[in-house]
Amino acid sequence: METSDDAAIYKIQDDLALVLTVDFITPVVDDAYTFGQIAAANALSDVYAKGGKAIAALNIVCFPGEDLPWDILRQTMEGGLSKLKEAQVPLAGGHSVDDKEFKFGFSITGLIHPKKVLRNQGAKPGDLLILTKPLGVGILNTAIKGGLASEKAKEEAILSMTTLNQKASEIMLKYAINASTDITGFGFIGHAAEMIQGTATGMHLFPSEIPYFEDAREYAEMGLLPAGLYRNRDFRKDMVDFAPSVPLWLNDILHDPQTSGGLLLSVERKDAHCLLQDFHDQGVSSARIIGEITNNPGIKIV
């Protein structure tokens, strides 16, 4: 709880522990089936960030039955089930309530060896940082809701949000990972700050290496920004030092709240380039080395 870690770990025996997490969201796209897929990928991600294997899911539904056709719920369920099937995770039950606002998600149970748990803290000076998905999906979704997004932007946003972090998680387990988290509602800066807050380490980011959606830059420059972005920036402003050369649009993207974002990994330098190549060889093509962990007694993220 102290470091806002991604999931709870409950040790059953010396070589076995449970990974426990829950996540549900409001619709981020108009298509119900796609919304279900995104909600499932988003909920599964916390288990993958820990290095665990997801084994079961419970569904959580808040649905306005008097205001929306029940077929929308059916399609959303089908979308969620399609992602659970892809992840080889059975749906074991769930619970629904009548609610004026549609919300959908899952509680996920996973398995892990207690000595192989990846925390969101533990990064060491000299580690390189790898990010596995591009940033800016919250900005794209804002443009989509405003009817201003291109078809390319819509397709890229949906592909990113529906892509499981399962493959990236399985690949990373072969390497020396000192810290791991996934990037979601607090934005990149928010989750990166959790990785080093209260430690003797800092973080140096390489702006030119940070992956982002090209259209997100255009929409950020137009001012199409989600409200959560402003809250994220205000909350972590004392932990970040942006050089004058960093453009405002990139500042925006780094604070943009993500849905079903990628993994942020602190990797021992000796393994980082091999892991990156492995990611690219196995289809995690957006992964980039985007920074390093430093000894920094002052401002934490530079």
C-alpha atoms as a PDB file:
ATOM      1  CA  MET A   1       0.000   0.000   0.000  1.00  0.00           C
ATOM      2  CA  GLU A   2       2.860   2.381   0.859  1.00  0.00           C
ATOM      3  CA  THR A   3       4.126   2.576  -2.730  1.00  0.00           C
ATOM      4  CA  SER A   4       0.730   2.244  -4.491  1.00  0.00           C
ATOM      5  CA  ASP A   5       1.851  -1.060  -5.974  1.00  0.00           C
ATOM      6  CA  ASP A   6      -0.157  -2.565  -8.827  1.00  0.00           C
ATOM      7  CA  ALA A   7      -1.526  -5.662  -7.070  1.00  0.00           C
ATOM      8  CA  ALA A   8      -1.607  -7.467  -3.730  1.00  0.00           C
ATOM      9  CA  ILE A   9       0.480 -10.588  -3.161  1.00  0.00           C
ATOM     10  CA  TYR A  10      -0.831 -13.242  -0.732  1.00  0.00           C
ATOM     11  CA  LYS A  11       1.685 -15.964   0.113  1.00  0.00           C
ATOM     12  CA  ILE A  12       0.137 -19.439   0.337  1.00  0.00           C
ATOM     13  CA  GLN A  13       3.317 -21.486   0.725  1.00  0.00           C
ATOM     14  CA  ASP A  14       7.047 -21.037   0.263  1.00  0.00           C
ATOM     15  CA  ASP A  15       6.908 -21.441  -3.511  1.00  0.00           C
ATOM     16  CA  LEU A  16       3.421 -20.112  -4.291  1.00  0.00           C
ATOM     17  CA  ALA A  17       1.521 -16.844  -3.845  1.00  0.00           C
ATOM     18  CA  LEU A  18      -1.658 -15.282  -5.201  1.00  0.00           C
ATOM     19  CA  VAL A  19      -1.719 -12.028  -7.170  1.00  0.00           C
ATOM     20  CA  LEU A  20      -4.934 -10.102  -6.436  1.00  0.00           C
ATOM     21  CA  THR A  21      -6.180  -7.024  -8.289  1.00  0.00           C
ATOM     22  CA  VAL A  22      -9.377  -5.323  -9.461  1.00  0.00           C
ATOM     23  CA  ASP A  23     -10.031  -2.668 -12.100  1.00  0.00           C
ATOM     24  CA  PHE A  24     -13.165  -1.349 -13.779  1.00  0.00           C
ATOM     25  CA  ILE A  25     -13.668   1.634 -16.062  1.00  0.00           C
ATOM     26  CA  THR A  26     -16.301   3.743 -17.800  1.00  0.00           C
ATOM     27  CA  PRO A  27     -16.608   3.490 -21.607  1.00  0.00           C
ATOM     28  CA  VAL A  28     -13.694   4.996 -23.541  1.00  0.00           C
ATOM     29  CA  VAL A  29     -15.000   4.029 -27.006  1.00  0.00           C
ATOM     30  CA  ASP A  30     -18.460   3.916 -28.598  1.00  0.00           C
ATOM     31  CA  ASP A  31     -18.340   0.247 -29.650  1.00  0.00           C
ATOM     32  CA  ALA A  32     -19.512  -2.003 -26.793  1.00  0.00           C
ATOM     33  CA  TYR A  33     -17.544  -5.098 -27.859  1.00  0.00           C
ATOM     34  CA  THR A  34     -14.316  -3.079 -28.056  1.00  0.00           C
ATOM     35  CA  PHE A  35     -15.036  -1.493 -24.675  1.00  0.00           C
ATOM     36  CA  GLY A  36     -15.279  -4.972 -23.159  1.00  0.00           C
ATOM     37  CA  GLN A  37     -11.943  -5.943 -24.704  1.00  0.00           C
ATOM     38  CA  ILE A  38     -10.254  -2.803 -23.354  1.00  0.00           C
ATOM     39  CA  ALA A  39     -11.691  -3.304 -19.858  1.00  0.00           C
ATOM     40  CA  ALA A  40     -10.383  -6.872 -19.734  1.00  0.00           C
ATOM     41  CA  ALA A  41      -6.917  -5.979 -21.043  1.00  0.00           C
ATOM     42  CA  ASN A  42      -6.765  -3.124 -18.549  1.00  0.00           C
ATOM     43  CA  ALA A  43      -7.662  -5.365 -15.586  1.00  0.00           C
ATOM     44  CA  LEU A  44      -5.255  -8.148 -16.575  1.00  0.00           C
ATOM     45  CA  SER A  45      -2.372  -5.701 -16.899  1.00  0.00           C
ATOM     46  CA  ASP A  46      -1.689  -5.378 -13.167  1.00  0.00           C
ATOM     47  CA  VAL A  47      -0.998  -9.109 -12.879  1.00  0.00           C
ATOM     48  CA  TYR A  48       1.389  -8.920 -15.825  1.00  0.00           C
ATOM     49  CA  ALA A  49       3.180  -5.944 -14.264  1.00  0.00           C
ATOM     50  CA  LYS A  50       3.954  -8.095 -11.227  1.00  0.00           C
ATOM     51  CA  GLY A  51       5.359 -10.873 -13.409  1.00  0.00           C
ATOM     52  CA  GLY A  52       2.432 -13.152 -12.530  1.00  0.00           C
ATOM     53  CA  LYS A  53       0.275 -15.609 -14.460  1.00  0.00           C
ATOM     54  CA  ALA A  54      -3.440 -14.733 -14.520  1.00  0.00           C
ATOM     55  CA  ILE A  55      -5.635 -17.777 -13.756  1.00  0.00           C
ATOM     56  CA  ALA A  56      -9.195 -16.545 -13.080  1.00  0.00           C
ATOM     57  CA  ALA A  57     -11.460 -13.524 -13.429  1.00  0.00           C
ATOM     58  CA  LEU A  58     -14.612 -12.212 -11.744  1.00  0.00           C
ATOM     59  CA  ASN A  59     -16.737  -9.699 -13.639  1.00  0.00           C
ATOM     60  CA  ILE A  60     -17.871  -6.351 -12.178  1.00  0.00           C
ATOM     61  CA  VAL A  61     -20.790  -4.572 -13.884  1.00  0.00           C
ATOM     62  CA  CYS A  62     -22.630  -1.334 -13.131  1.00  0.00           C
ATOM     63  CA  PHE A  63     -25.297  -0.933 -15.800  1.00  0.00           C
ATOM     64  CA  PRO A  64     -28.145   1.564 -16.366  1.00  0.00           C
ATOM     65  CA  GLY A  65     -30.730  -0.998 -17.456  1.00  0.00           C
ATOM     66  CA  GLU A  66     -33.484   1.603 -17.836  1.00  0.00           C
ATOM     67  CA  ASP A  67     -31.395   3.887 -20.044  1.00  0.00           C
ATOM     68  CA  LEU A  68     -29.374   1.573 -22.293  1.00  0.00           C
ATOM     69  CA  PRO A  69     -30.401  -1.479 -24.365  1.00  0.00           C
ATOM     70  CA  TRP A  70     -29.416  -4.748 -22.705  1.00  0.00           C
ATOM     71  CA  ASP A  71     -27.762  -5.777 -25.963  1.00  0.00           C
ATOM     72  CA  ILE A  72     -25.002  -3.266 -25.181  1.00  0.00           C
ATOM     73  CA  LEU A  73     -24.175  -5.200 -22.024  1.00  0.00           C
ATOM     74  CA  ARG A  74     -24.202  -8.479 -23.948  1.00  0.00           C
ATOM     75  CA  GLN A  75     -21.778  -7.115 -26.541  1.00  0.00           C
ATOM     76  CA  THR A  76     -19.531  -5.691 -23.814  1.00  0.00           C
ATOM     77  CA  MET A  77     -19.492  -9.071 -22.064  1.00  0.00           C
ATOM     78  CA  GLU A  78     -18.596 -10.798 -25.322  1.00  0.00           C
ATOM     79  CA  GLY A  79     -15.719  -8.397 -25.880  1.00  0.00           C
ATOM     80  CA  GLY A  80     -14.379  -8.949 -22.379  1.00  0.00           C
ATOM     81  CA  LEU A  81     -14.669 -12.721 -22.750  1.00  0.00           C
ATOM     82  CA  SER A  82     -12.743 -12.616 -26.035  1.00  0.00           C
ATOM     83  CA  LYS A  83      -9.750 -11.040 -24.267  1.00  0.00           C
ATOM     84  CA  LEU A  84      -9.976 -13.429 -21.320  1.00  0.00           C
ATOM     85  CA  LYS A  85      -9.977 -16.304 -23.812  1.00  0.00           C
ATOM     86  CA  GLU A  86      -6.911 -14.854 -25.549  1.00  0.00           C
ATOM     87  CA  ALA A  87      -5.190 -14.673 -22.153  1.00  0.00           C
ATOM     88  CA  GLN A  88      -6.379 -18.233 -21.313  1.00  0.00           C
ATOM     89  CA  VAL A  89      -8.167 -16.950 -18.215  1.00  0.00           C
ATOM     90  CA  PRO A  90     -11.584 -18.448 -17.330  1.00  0.00           C
ATOM     91  CA  LEU A  91     -14.428 -16.250 -16.134  1.00  0.00           C
ATOM     92  CA  ALA A  92     -15.426 -17.693 -12.734  1.00  0.00           C
ATOM     93  CA  GLY A  93     -18.398 -15.455 -11.890  1.00  0.00           C
ATOM     94  CA  GLY A  94     -19.120 -11.849 -11.046  1.00  0.00           C
ATOM     95  CA  HIS A  95     -21.595  -9.312  -9.725  1.00  0.00           C
ATOM     96  CA  SER A  96     -23.824  -6.646 -11.275  1.00  0.00           C
ATOM     97  CA  VAL A  97     -25.739  -3.666  -9.930  1.00  0.00           C
ATOM     98  CA  ASP A  98     -28.104  -1.117 -11.439  1.00  0.00           C
ATOM     99  CA  ASP A  99     -26.253   2.194 -11.835  1.00  0.00           C
ATOM    100  CA  LYS A 100     -26.884   5.392 -13.785  1.00  0.00           C
ATOM    101  CA  GLU A 101     -23.337   5.256 -15.191  1.00  0.00           C
ATOM    102  CA  PHE A 102     -22.080   2.229 -17.126  1.00  0.00           C
ATOM    103  CA  LYS A 103     -18.944   0.704 -15.566  1.00  0.00           C
ATOM    104  CA  PHE A 104     -17.308  -2.576 -16.487  1.00  0.00           C
ATOM    105  CA  GLY A 105     -14.239  -4.509 -15.422  1.00  0.00           C
ATOM    106  CA  PHE A 106     -12.800  -7.502 -13.640  1.00  0.00           C
ATOM    107  CA  SER A 107     -11.187  -8.748 -10.477  1.00  0.00           C
ATOM    108  CA  ILE A 108      -8.217 -10.883 -11.559  1.00  0.00           C
ATOM    109  CA  THR A 109      -6.461 -13.622  -9.605  1.00  0.00           C
ATOM    110  CA  GLY A 110      -2.982 -14.742 -10.603  1.00  0.00           C
ATOM    111  CA  LEU A 111      -0.184 -16.997  -9.411  1.00  0.00           C
ATOM    112  CA  ILE A 112       3.468 -16.145  -8.767  1.00  0.00           C
ATOM    113  CA  HIS A 113       6.517 -17.434  -6.891  1.00  0.00           C
ATOM    114  CA  PRO A 114       6.903 -15.273  -3.762  1.00  0.00           C
ATOM    115  CA  LYS A 115      10.602 -14.701  -4.498  1.00  0.00           C
ATOM    116  CA  LYS A 116       9.948 -13.632  -8.101  1.00  0.00           C
ATOM    117  CA  VAL A 117       7.460 -10.822  -7.432  1.00  0.00           C
ATOM    118  CA  LEU A 118       8.262  -7.601  -9.296  1.00  0.00           C
ATOM    119  CA  ARG A 119       7.540  -4.451  -7.285  1.00  0.00           C
ATOM    120  CA  ASN A 120       6.962  -0.950  -8.599  1.00  0.00           C
ATOM    121  CA  GLN A 121       9.986   0.051  -6.504  1.00  0.00           C
ATOM    122  CA  GLY A 122      13.465  -1.454  -6.396  1.00  0.00           C
ATOM    123  CA  ALA A 123      15.076   0.383  -9.330  1.00  0.00           C
ATOM    124  CA  LYS A 124      18.843   0.744  -8.985  1.00  0.00           C
ATOM    125  CA  PRO A 125      21.162   3.532 -10.219  1.00  0.00           C
ATOM    126  CA  GLY A 126      22.468   2.573 -13.646  1.00  0.00           C
ATOM    127  CA  ASP A 127      19.299   0.704 -14.653  1.00  0.00           C
ATOM    128  CA  LEU A 128      17.830   1.557 -18.043  1.00  0.00           C
ATOM    129  CA  LEU A 129      14.105   2.220 -18.404  1.00  0.00           C
ATOM    130  CA  ILE A 130      12.058   0.447 -21.063  1.00  0.00           C
ATOM    131  CA  LEU A 131       8.504   1.460 -22.022  1.00  0.00           C
ATOM    132  CA  THR A 132       6.533  -1.092 -24.066  1.00  0.00           C
ATOM    133  CA  LYS A 133       3.634   0.947 -25.534  1.00  0.00           C
ATOM    134  CA  PRO A 134       3.416   4.468 -26.985  1.00  0.00           C
ATOM    135  CA  LEU A 135       1.859   7.254 -24.920  1.00  0.00           C
ATOM    136  CA  GLY A 136      -1.003   9.607 -25.732  1.00  0.00           C
ATOM    137  CA  VAL A 137      -4.034   7.317 -25.860  1.00  0.00           C
ATOM    138  CA  GLY A 138      -5.992   9.565 -23.464  1.00  0.00           C
ATOM    139  CA  ILE A 139      -5.478  12.521 -25.805  1.00  0.00           C
ATOM    140  CA  LEU A 140      -6.563  10.383 -28.774  1.00  0.00           C
ATOM    141  CA  ASN A 141      -9.713   9.336 -26.900  1.00  0.00           C
ATOM    142  CA  THR A 142     -10.487  12.989 -26.156  1.00  0.00           C
ATOM    143  CA  ALA A 143     -10.230  13.790 -29.864  1.00  0.00           C
ATOM    144  CA  ILE A 144     -12.399  10.774 -30.696  1.00  0.00           C
ATOM    145  CA  LYS A 145     -15.112  11.920 -28.264  1.00  0.00           C
ATOM    146  CA  GLY A 146     -14.949  15.383 -29.822  1.00  0.00           C
ATOM    147  CA  GLY A 147     -15.411  13.970 -33.319  1.00  0.00           C
ATOM    148  CA  LEU A 148     -12.042  15.354 -34.430  1.00  0.00           C
ATOM    149  CA  ALA A 149      -9.899  12.210 -34.562  1.00  0.00           C
ATOM    150  CA  SER A 150      -8.726  10.657 -37.811  1.00  0.00           C
ATOM    151  CA  GLU A 151      -9.522   7.020 -38.630  1.00  0.00           C
ATOM    152  CA  LYS A 152      -5.826   6.277 -38.185  1.00  0.00           C
ATOM    153  CA  ALA A 153      -5.889   7.730 -34.668  1.00  0.00           C
ATOM    154  CA  LYS A 154      -8.989   5.692 -33.772  1.00  0.00           C
ATOM    155  CA  GLU A 155      -7.422   2.471 -35.035  1.00  0.00           C
ATOM    156  CA  GLU A 156      -4.135   3.101 -33.243  1.00  0.00           C
ATOM    157  CA  ALA A 157      -5.831   3.912 -29.956  1.00  0.00           C
ATOM    158  CA  ILE A 158      -8.027   0.816 -30.060  1.00  0.00           C
ATOM    159  CA  LEU A 159      -5.138  -1.473 -31.067  1.00  0.00           C
ATOM    160  CA  SER A 160      -3.007  -0.183 -28.206  1.00  0.00           C
ATOM    161  CA  MET A 161      -5.744  -0.431 -25.568  1.00  0.00           C
ATOM    162  CA  THR A 162      -6.828  -3.931 -26.619  1.00  0.00           C
ATOM    163  CA  THR A 163      -3.289  -5.341 -26.800  1.00  0.00           C
ATOM    164  CA  LEU A 164      -2.520  -7.490 -23.774  1.00  0.00           C
ATOM    165  CA  ASN A 165       0.690  -6.915 -21.827  1.00  0.00           C
ATOM    166  CA  GLN A 166       0.923 -10.681 -21.470  1.00  0.00           C
ATOM    167  CA  LYS A 167       3.601 -11.243 -24.098  1.00  0.00           C
ATOM    168  CA  ALA A 168       5.775  -8.397 -22.804  1.00  0.00           C
ATOM    169  CA  SER A 169       5.445  -9.792 -19.267  1.00  0.00           C
ATOM    170  CA  GLU A 170       6.444 -13.296 -20.315  1.00  0.00           C
ATOM    171  CA  ILE A 171       9.477 -12.014 -22.237  1.00  0.00           C
ATOM    172  CA  MET A 172      10.740  -9.766 -19.431  1.00  0.00           C
ATOM    173  CA  LEU A 173      10.864 -12.637 -16.924  1.00  0.00           C
ATOM    174  CA  LYS A 174      13.994 -13.967 -18.643  1.00  0.00           C
ATOM    175  CA  TYR A 175      15.931 -10.816 -17.722  1.00  0.00           C
ATOM    176  CA  ALA A 176      17.105  -8.885 -14.646  1.00  0.00           C
ATOM    177  CA  ILE A 177      14.169  -6.566 -13.871  1.00  0.00           C
ATOM    178  CA  ASN A 178      14.520  -4.491 -10.706  1.00  0.00           C
ATOM    179  CA  ALA A 179      11.144  -2.706 -10.857  1.00  0.00           C
ATOM    180  CA  SER A 180       7.997  -2.916 -12.958  1.00  0.00           C
ATOM    181  CA  THR A 181       4.679  -1.082 -13.242  1.00  0.00           C
ATOM    182  CA  ASP A 182       2.041  -0.437 -15.876  1.00  0.00           C
ATOM    183  CA  ILE A 183       1.081   3.020 -17.105  1.00  0.00           C
ATOM    184  CA  THR A 184      -2.589   3.829 -16.529  1.00  0.00           C
ATOM    185  CA  GLY A 185      -4.671   6.686 -15.137  1.00  0.00           C
ATOM    186  CA  PHE A 186      -1.932   8.660 -13.373  1.00  0.00           C
ATOM    187  CA  GLY A 187      -0.033   9.038 -16.663  1.00  0.00           C
ATOM    188  CA  PHE A 188       3.590   8.204 -17.346  1.00  0.00           C
ATOM    189  CA  ILE A 189       4.985  10.787 -14.914  1.00  0.00           C
ATOM    190  CA  GLY A 190       2.626   9.681 -12.148  1.00  0.00           C
ATOM    191  CA  HIS A 191       3.587   6.024 -12.349  1.00  0.00           C
ATOM    192  CA  ALA A 192       7.272   6.801 -12.908  1.00  0.00           C
ATOM    193  CA  ALA A 193       7.177   8.964  -9.763  1.00  0.00           C
ATOM    194  CA  GLU A 194       5.815   6.025  -7.760  1.00  0.00           C
ATOM    195  CA  MET A 195       8.813   3.996  -8.915  1.00  0.00           C
ATOM    196  CA  ILE A 196      11.297   6.335  -7.191  1.00  0.00           C
ATOM    197  CA  GLN A 197       9.311   8.248  -4.564  1.00  0.00           C
ATOM    198  CA  GLY A 198      10.807   7.872  -1.088  1.00  0.00           C
ATOM    199  CA  THR A 199      13.989   6.252  -2.434  1.00  0.00           C
ATOM    200  CA  ALA A 200      17.554   7.505  -2.903  1.00  0.00           C
ATOM    201  CA  THR A 201      17.215   7.306  -6.674  1.00  0.00           C
ATOM    202  CA  GLY A 202      16.152   9.687  -9.441  1.00  0.00           C
ATOM    203  CA  MET A 203      15.204   9.290 -13.075  1.00  0.00           C
ATOM    204  CA  HIS A 204      16.641  10.866 -16.229  1.00  0.00           C
ATOM    205  CA  LEU A 205      14.362  10.632 -19.272  1.00  0.00           C
ATOM    206  CA  PHE A 206      15.492  10.846 -22.900  1.00  0.00           C
ATOM    207  CA  PRO A 207      12.787  12.973 -24.620  1.00  0.00           C
ATOM    208  CA  SER A 208      13.727  11.977 -28.156  1.00  0.00           C
ATOM    209  CA  GLU A 209      13.313   8.257 -27.327  1.00  0.00           C
ATOM    210  CA  ILE A 210       9.852   8.368 -25.731  1.00  0.00           C
ATOM    211  CA  PRO A 211       7.309   6.579 -27.976  1.00  0.00           C
ATOM    212  CA  TYR A 212       4.031   8.411 -28.589  1.00  0.00           C
ATOM    213  CA  PHE A 213       1.228   8.489 -31.137  1.00  0.00           C
ATOM    214  CA  GLU A 214       1.947  11.081 -33.815  1.00  0.00           C
ATOM    215  CA  ASP A 215      -1.658  12.267 -33.845  1.00  0.00           C
ATOM    216  CA  ALA A 216      -1.506  12.768 -30.065  1.00  0.00           C
ATOM    217  CA  ARG A 217       1.073  15.479 -30.655  1.00  0.00           C
ATOM    218  CA  GLU A 218      -1.215  17.262 -33.133  1.00  0.00           C
ATOM    219  CA  TYR A 219      -4.239  17.033 -30.836  1.00  0.00           C
ATOM    220  CA  ALA A 220      -2.219  18.185 -27.809  1.00  0.00           C
ATOM    221  CA  GLU A 221      -1.082  21.243 -29.761  1.00  0.00           C
ATOM    222  CA  MET A 222      -4.769  21.894 -30.551  1.00  0.00           C
ATOM    223  CA  GLY A 223      -5.598  21.761 -26.836  1.00  0.00           C
ATOM    224  CA  LEU A 224      -7.601  18.515 -26.971  1.00  0.00           C
ATOM    225  CA  LEU A 225      -6.560  17.376 -23.501  1.00  0.00           C
ATOM    226  CA  PRO A 226      -8.448  15.215 -20.971  1.00  0.00           C
ATOM    227  CA  ALA A 227      -9.244  16.763 -17.589  1.00  0.00           C
ATOM    228  CA  GLY A 228      -7.226  14.058 -15.830  1.00  0.00           C
ATOM    229  CA  LEU A 229      -4.063  15.306 -17.528  1.00  0.00           C
ATOM    230  CA  TYR A 230      -4.235  18.601 -15.641  1.00  0.00           C
ATOM    231  CA  ARG A 231      -4.768  16.810 -12.329  1.00  0.00           C
ATOM    232  CA  ASN A 232      -1.838  14.503 -13.025  1.00  0.00           C
ATOM    233  CA  ARG A 233       0.465  17.414 -13.836  1.00  0.00           C
ATOM    234  CA  ASP A 234      -0.535  19.401 -10.775  1.00  0.00           C
ATOM    235  CA  PHE A 235      -0.101  16.431  -8.444  1.00  0.00           C
ATOM    236  CA  ARG A 236       3.482  15.609  -9.514  1.00  0.00           C
ATOM    237  CA  LYS A 237       4.782  19.052 -10.487  1.00  0.00           C
ATOM    238  CA  ASP A 238       7.227  19.187  -7.549  1.00  0.00           C
ATOM    239  CA  MET A 239       8.905  15.918  -8.596  1.00  0.00           C
ATOM    240  CA  VAL A 240       9.714  16.861 -12.200  1.00  0.00           C
ATOM    241  CA  ASP A 241      12.178  19.218 -13.891  1.00  0.00           C
ATOM    242  CA  PHE A 242      11.454  19.796 -17.584  1.00  0.00           C
ATOM    243  CA  ALA A 243      14.305  21.322 -19.571  1.00  0.00           C
ATOM    244  CA  PRO A 244      13.318  24.408 -21.627  1.00  0.00           C
ATOM    245  CA  SER A 245      13.943  22.367 -24.791  1.00  0.00           C
ATOM    246  CA  VAL A 246      11.123  19.925 -23.957  1.00  0.00           C
ATOM    247  CA  PRO A 247       8.042  21.098 -25.906  1.00  0.00           C
ATOM    248  CA  LEU A 248       4.717  21.598 -24.147  1.00  0.00           C
ATOM    249  CA  TRP A 249       3.026  18.926 -26.265  1.00  0.00           C
ATOM    250  CA  LEU A 250       5.471  16.297 -24.956  1.00  0.00           C
ATOM    251  CA  ASN A 251       4.926  17.551 -21.410  1.00  0.00           C
ATOM    252  CA  ASP A 252       1.209  17.000 -22.038  1.00  0.00           C
ATOM    253  CA  ILE A 253       1.727  13.487 -23.401  1.00  0.00           C
ATOM    254  CA  LEU A 254       3.861  12.483 -20.415  1.00  0.00           C
ATOM    255  CA  HIS A 255       1.024  13.453 -18.043  1.00  0.00           C
ATOM    256  CA  ASP A 256      -1.751  12.012 -20.216  1.00  0.00           C
ATOM    257  CA  PRO A 257      -3.917   9.425 -18.367  1.00  0.00           C
ATOM    258  CA  GLN A 258      -3.629   6.089 -20.146  1.00  0.00           C
ATOM    259  CA  THR A 259      -6.127   3.251 -20.391  1.00  0.00           C
ATOM    260  CA  SER A 260      -4.540  -0.202 -20.698  1.00  0.00           C
ATOM    261  CA  GLY A 261      -1.109   1.373 -21.185  1.00  0.00           C
ATOM    262  CA  GLY A 262       2.233  -0.346 -21.507  1.00  0.00           C
ATOM    263  CA  LEU A 263       4.736  -1.644 -18.967  1.00  0.00           C
ATOM    264  CA  LEU A 264       7.502   0.544 -17.561  1.00  0.00           C
ATOM    265  CA  LEU A 265      10.510  -1.571 -16.585  1.00  0.00           C
ATOM    266  CA  SER A 266      13.709  -0.735 -14.724  1.00  0.00           C
ATOM    267  CA  VAL A 267      16.208  -3.170 -16.221  1.00  0.00           C
ATOM    268  CA  GLU A 268      19.813  -3.836 -15.269  1.00  0.00           C
ATOM    269  CA  ARG A 269      21.969  -2.169 -17.906  1.00  0.00           C
ATOM    270  CA  LYS A 270      23.668  -5.417 -18.921  1.00  0.00           C
ATOM    271  CA  ASP A 271      20.302  -6.900 -19.915  1.00  0.00           C
ATOM    272  CA  ALA A 272      18.447  -3.891 -21.288  1.00  0.00           C
ATOM    273  CA  HIS A 273      19.524  -3.987 -24.931  1.00  0.00           C
ATOM    274  CA  CYS A 274      19.051  -7.773 -25.155  1.00  0.00           C
ATOM    275  CA  LEU A 275      15.562  -7.437 -23.671  1.00  0.00           C
ATOM    276  CA  LEU A 276      14.710  -4.640 -26.099  1.00  0.00           C
ATOM    277  CA  GLN A 277      15.832  -6.775 -29.051  1.00  0.00           C
ATOM    278  CA  ASP A 278      13.810  -9.703 -27.702  1.00  0.00           C
ATOM    279  CA  PHE A 279      10.737  -7.453 -27.458  1.00  0.00           C
ATOM    280  CA  HIS A 280      11.149  -6.334 -31.064  1.00  0.00           C
ATOM    281  CA  ASP A 281      11.787  -9.868 -32.331  1.00  0.00           C
ATOM    282  CA  GLN A 282       8.587 -11.120 -30.670  1.00  0.00           C
ATOM    283  CA  GLY A 283       6.252  -8.358 -31.800  1.00  0.00           C
ATOM    284  CA  VAL A 284       6.436  -5.819 -28.959  1.00  0.00           C
ATOM    285  CA  SER A 285       7.562  -3.377 -31.613  1.00  0.00           C
ATOM    286  CA  SER A 286       6.875  -0.086 -29.803  1.00  0.00           C
ATOM    287  CA  ALA A 287       9.218  -0.859 -26.879  1.00  0.00           C
ATOM    288  CA  ARG A 288      11.974   1.732 -26.387  1.00  0.00           C
ATOM    289  CA  ILE A 289      14.752   2.527 -23.926  1.00  0.00           C
ATOM    290  CA  ILE A 290      13.517   5.897 -22.672  1.00  0.00           C
ATOM    291  CA  GLY A 291      15.703   6.785 -19.705  1.00  0.00           C
ATOM    292  CA  GLU A 292      17.884   5.651 -16.828  1.00  0.00           C
ATOM    293  CA  ILE A 293      17.859   5.490 -13.032  1.00  0.00           C
ATOM    294  CA  THR A 294      20.261   7.884 -11.324  1.00  0.00           C
ATOM    295  CA  ASN A 295      21.605   8.847  -7.924  1.00  0.00           C
ATOM    296  CA  ASN A 296      19.678  12.098  -7.569  1.00  0.00           C
ATOM    297  CA  PRO A 297      19.256  13.742  -4.159  1.00  0.00           C
ATOM    298  CA  GLY A 298      17.279  16.674  -5.579  1.00  0.00           C
ATOM    299  CA  ILE A 299      14.487  16.761  -8.148  1.00  0.00           C
ATOM    300  CA  LYS A 300      13.475  13.191  -8.816  1.00  0.00           C
ATOM    301  CA  ILE A 301      12.588  13.145 -12.552  1.00  0.00           C
ATOM    302  CA  VAL A 302      14.653  15.172 -15.023  1.00  0.00           C
END
